[in-house]
Protein backbone atom coordinates (compact mmCIF):
# COMPACT_ATOMS: atom_id res chain seq x y z
CA MET A 1 -41.28 -131.27 92.51
CA PRO A 2 -38.26 -131.23 94.87
CA LEU A 3 -34.91 -130.38 93.27
CA GLN A 4 -33.52 -133.81 94.15
CA GLU A 5 -36.25 -135.40 92.04
CA VAL A 6 -35.68 -133.09 89.08
CA GLY A 7 -32.05 -134.22 88.93
CA LYS A 8 -33.19 -137.85 88.67
CA LEU A 9 -35.46 -137.07 85.71
CA MET A 10 -33.06 -134.83 83.83
CA PRO A 11 -29.27 -134.80 83.99
CA MET A 12 -27.94 -131.65 85.64
CA ASP A 13 -24.89 -130.63 83.65
CA THR A 14 -23.57 -127.10 83.27
CA LYS A 15 -24.80 -126.68 79.70
CA SER A 16 -28.38 -127.70 80.48
CA VAL A 17 -28.48 -125.49 83.58
CA GLU A 18 -27.11 -122.56 81.56
CA LYS A 19 -29.70 -123.10 78.81
CA GLN A 20 -32.51 -123.19 81.36
CA ALA A 21 -31.20 -120.12 83.20
CA LEU A 22 -31.04 -118.11 79.98
CA ALA A 23 -34.66 -119.02 79.25
CA LEU A 24 -35.86 -117.55 82.56
CA PRO A 25 -37.84 -114.29 82.71
CA ALA A 26 -35.71 -111.12 82.57
CA THR A 27 -34.89 -110.57 86.26
CA ASP A 28 -34.46 -114.21 87.28
CA PRO A 29 -31.02 -114.80 85.70
CA ALA A 30 -29.63 -111.83 87.65
CA LYS A 31 -31.04 -113.25 90.90
CA LEU A 32 -29.57 -116.66 90.08
CA ALA A 33 -26.18 -115.14 89.24
CA HIS A 34 -26.19 -113.28 92.55
CA LYS A 35 -26.88 -116.48 94.48
CA LEU A 36 -24.19 -118.35 92.58
CA LEU A 37 -21.64 -115.63 93.30
CA GLU A 38 -22.61 -115.62 96.97
CA SER A 39 -22.06 -119.38 97.09
CA LEU A 40 -18.41 -118.82 96.18
CA ASP A 41 -17.95 -116.80 99.35
CA THR A 42 -18.33 -119.95 101.43
CA LEU A 43 -14.87 -121.21 100.45
CA SER A 44 -12.10 -121.06 103.01
CA ASP A 45 -8.92 -119.15 102.23
CA ASP A 46 -7.10 -122.45 101.72
CA GLU A 47 -9.77 -123.72 99.32
CA ARG A 48 -9.73 -120.44 97.40
CA GLU A 49 -5.93 -120.50 97.17
CA LYS A 50 -5.96 -124.09 95.91
CA LEU A 51 -8.51 -123.21 93.23
CA TRP A 52 -6.38 -120.27 92.04
CA LEU A 53 -3.23 -122.42 92.02
CA ASP A 54 -5.08 -125.11 90.03
CA GLU A 55 -6.28 -122.47 87.57
CA ALA A 56 -2.77 -121.02 87.23
CA ALA A 57 -1.36 -124.51 86.57
CA ARG A 58 -4.08 -125.19 83.98
CA ARG A 59 -3.32 -121.92 82.18
CA ALA A 60 0.44 -122.53 82.30
CA ALA A 61 -0.10 -125.98 80.76
CA GLN A 62 -2.22 -124.43 77.98
CA ILE A 63 0.62 -121.99 77.24
CA ASP A 64 3.26 -124.73 77.33
CA ASN A 65 1.18 -126.95 75.02
CA GLY A 66 0.53 -124.12 72.55
CA GLU A 67 -3.23 -124.33 73.11
CA VAL A 68 -3.60 -120.57 73.62
CA GLU A 69 -2.14 -117.52 71.95
CA LEU A 70 -0.45 -115.01 74.22
CA ILE A 71 -1.34 -111.36 73.58
CA SER A 72 0.85 -108.52 74.81
CA GLY A 73 -0.54 -105.95 77.23
CA GLU A 74 0.16 -103.24 74.66
CA ASN A 75 -1.93 -105.05 72.06
CA VAL A 76 -4.81 -105.54 74.50
CA ALA A 77 -4.70 -101.86 75.51
CA ARG A 78 -4.66 -100.75 71.86
CA LYS A 79 -7.68 -102.91 71.04
CA ALA A 80 -9.53 -101.67 74.16
CA ARG A 81 -8.89 -98.03 73.23
CA ALA A 82 -10.13 -98.71 69.69
CA LEU A 83 -13.35 -100.20 71.05
CA LEU A 84 -13.92 -97.20 73.32
CA THR A 85 -13.47 -94.54 70.64
């Protein structure tokens, strides 16, 4: 069945795609991840910059709204060292 037809039968949202991808045989998720990562390389520099600026604005808003907890670099490094020893 062509992919266009599958989308008509079953909604294609991120969660359902993720669930299906995780159910694939062992090597298939890695192949899919590779193709998805390659697809990101098709963005222009301007598109990539806009996406990063949008992400930075989203994160700044989360900080301003108290939605996320900031963690110091020292604390992160201490926790990382503890995990590695």
